[in-house]
Amino acid sequence: MKEKTSVTLSPEVLTGIDRLAGSKLSRSAFIEKVLRQYLRQRVKAERSARDLAILNKYAHELNVDAEDGLEDQAPEEE
């Protein structure tokens, strides 16, 4: 169910919305579409930031483990 709300926008923003939405989308539909995309991007960015923080927290340990694994696979020098 949708809820009605009121938003005050500058004439320049409304002109841009009307130009981009064209005759296919109403202003409301266009604004909702743009906001949904923005919200998805924010959620993705927040998730990526959390993942990066976890990787950074354990980076040294992960790198040491990777180096150990590579050393085990490398042929011994004569």
C-alpha atoms as a PDB file:
ATOM      1  CA  MET A   1       0.000   0.000   0.000  1.00  0.00           C
ATOM      2  CA  LYS A   2       1.338   3.396  -0.908  1.00  0.00           C
ATOM      3  CA  GLU A   3       1.124   6.436   1.309  1.00  0.00           C
ATOM      4  CA  LYS A   4       0.665   9.953   0.119  1.00  0.00           C
ATOM      5  CA  THR A   5       3.316  12.468   1.111  1.00  0.00           C
ATOM      6  CA  SER A   6       4.265  15.979   0.193  1.00  0.00           C
ATOM      7  CA  VAL A   7       7.705  17.024  -0.988  1.00  0.00           C
ATOM      8  CA  THR A   8       8.786  20.513  -1.936  1.00  0.00           C
ATOM      9  CA  LEU A   9      11.207  20.661  -4.855  1.00  0.00           C
ATOM     10  CA  SER A  10      12.789  23.494  -6.771  1.00  0.00           C
ATOM     11  CA  PRO A  11      11.538  24.305 -10.258  1.00  0.00           C
ATOM     12  CA  GLU A  12      14.875  23.157 -11.712  1.00  0.00           C
ATOM     13  CA  VAL A  13      14.526  19.725 -10.125  1.00  0.00           C
ATOM     14  CA  LEU A  14      10.941  19.382 -11.345  1.00  0.00           C
ATOM     15  CA  THR A  15      12.015  20.351 -14.851  1.00  0.00           C
ATOM     16  CA  GLY A  16      14.734  17.687 -14.741  1.00  0.00           C
ATOM     17  CA  ILE A  17      12.276  15.068 -13.485  1.00  0.00           C
ATOM     18  CA  ASP A  18       9.776  15.936 -16.196  1.00  0.00           C
ATOM     19  CA  ARG A  19      12.478  15.794 -18.867  1.00  0.00           C
ATOM     20  CA  LEU A  20      13.858  12.420 -17.727  1.00  0.00           C
ATOM     21  CA  ALA A  21      10.524  10.801 -16.913  1.00  0.00           C
ATOM     22  CA  GLY A  22       9.019  11.878 -20.210  1.00  0.00           C
ATOM     23  CA  SER A  23       5.448  10.933 -20.890  1.00  0.00           C
ATOM     24  CA  LYS A  24       5.918   7.324 -19.756  1.00  0.00           C
ATOM     25  CA  LEU A  25       6.278   7.918 -16.003  1.00  0.00           C
ATOM     26  CA  SER A  26       4.492  10.187 -13.599  1.00  0.00           C
ATOM     27  CA  ARG A  27       6.608  12.349 -11.324  1.00  0.00           C
ATOM     28  CA  SER A  28       5.696  10.093  -8.406  1.00  0.00           C
ATOM     29  CA  ALA A  29       6.661   6.920 -10.270  1.00  0.00           C
ATOM     30  CA  PHE A  30       9.935   8.464 -11.425  1.00  0.00           C
ATOM     31  CA  ILE A  31      10.862   9.706  -7.944  1.00  0.00           C
ATOM     32  CA  GLU A  32       9.988   6.327  -6.413  1.00  0.00           C
ATOM     33  CA  LYS A  33      12.092   4.504  -9.014  1.00  0.00           C
ATOM     34  CA  VAL A  34      15.088   6.779  -8.408  1.00  0.00           C
ATOM     35  CA  LEU A  35      14.784   6.501  -4.629  1.00  0.00           C
ATOM     36  CA  ARG A  36      14.540   2.694  -4.788  1.00  0.00           C
ATOM     37  CA  GLN A  37      17.747   2.587  -6.842  1.00  0.00           C
ATOM     38  CA  TYR A  38      19.450   4.922  -4.382  1.00  0.00           C
ATOM     39  CA  LEU A  39      18.353   2.855  -1.383  1.00  0.00           C
ATOM     40  CA  ARG A  40      19.604  -0.368  -3.012  1.00  0.00           C
ATOM     41  CA  GLN A  41      22.959   1.299  -3.691  1.00  0.00           C
ATOM     42  CA  ARG A  42      23.212   2.469  -0.074  1.00  0.00           C
ATOM     43  CA  VAL A  43      22.469  -1.023   1.270  1.00  0.00           C
ATOM     44  CA  LYS A  44      25.071  -2.494  -1.090  1.00  0.00           C
ATOM     45  CA  ALA A  45      27.651   0.149  -0.101  1.00  0.00           C
ATOM     46  CA  GLU A  46      27.030  -0.482   3.603  1.00  0.00           C
ATOM     47  CA  ARG A  47      27.386  -4.243   3.099  1.00  0.00           C
ATOM     48  CA  SER A  48      30.615  -3.735   1.136  1.00  0.00           C
ATOM     49  CA  ALA A  49      31.981  -1.459   3.858  1.00  0.00           C
ATOM     50  CA  ARG A  50      31.237  -4.082   6.527  1.00  0.00           C
ATOM     51  CA  ASP A  51      32.873  -6.798   4.404  1.00  0.00           C
ATOM     52  CA  LEU A  52      35.934  -4.627   3.829  1.00  0.00           C
ATOM     53  CA  ALA A  53      36.217  -3.905   7.553  1.00  0.00           C
ATOM     54  CA  ILE A  54      36.151  -7.652   8.274  1.00  0.00           C
ATOM     55  CA  LEU A  55      38.789  -8.339   5.613  1.00  0.00           C
ATOM     56  CA  ASN A  56      40.988  -5.523   6.916  1.00  0.00           C
ATOM     57  CA  LYS A  57      40.635  -6.810  10.475  1.00  0.00           C
ATOM     58  CA  TYR A  58      41.961 -10.235   9.455  1.00  0.00           C
ATOM     59  CA  ALA A  59      44.162  -9.196   6.497  1.00  0.00           C
ATOM     60  CA  HIS A  60      47.494  -9.913   8.170  1.00  0.00           C
ATOM     61  CA  GLU A  61      46.410 -13.364   9.343  1.00  0.00           C
ATOM     62  CA  LEU A  62      44.927 -14.191   5.920  1.00  0.00           C
ATOM     63  CA  ASN A  63      48.080 -13.044   4.141  1.00  0.00           C
ATOM     64  CA  VAL A  64      50.321 -15.137   6.420  1.00  0.00           C
ATOM     65  CA  ASP A  65      48.146 -18.200   5.784  1.00  0.00           C
ATOM     66  CA  ALA A  66      48.277 -17.580   2.032  1.00  0.00           C
ATOM     67  CA  GLU A  67      52.065 -17.206   2.079  1.00  0.00           C
ATOM     68  CA  ASP A  68      52.409 -20.427   4.077  1.00  0.00           C
ATOM     69  CA  GLY A  69      50.251 -22.249   1.550  1.00  0.00           C
ATOM     70  CA  LEU A  70      52.289 -20.923  -1.364  1.00  0.00           C
ATOM     71  CA  GLU A  71      55.554 -21.890   0.291  1.00  0.00           C
ATOM     72  CA  ASP A  72      54.258 -25.437   0.737  1.00  0.00           C
ATOM     73  CA  GLN A  73      53.503 -25.618  -2.984  1.00  0.00           C
ATOM     74  CA  ALA A  74      56.724 -24.072  -4.267  1.00  0.00           C
ATOM     75  CA  PRO A  75      59.499 -26.414  -5.342  1.00  0.00           C
ATOM     76  CA  GLU A  76      62.493 -26.443  -3.041  1.00  0.00           C
ATOM     77  CA  GLU A  77      65.513 -24.546  -4.260  1.00  0.00           C
ATOM     78  CA  GLU A  78      68.717 -26.512  -4.723  1.00  0.00           C
END
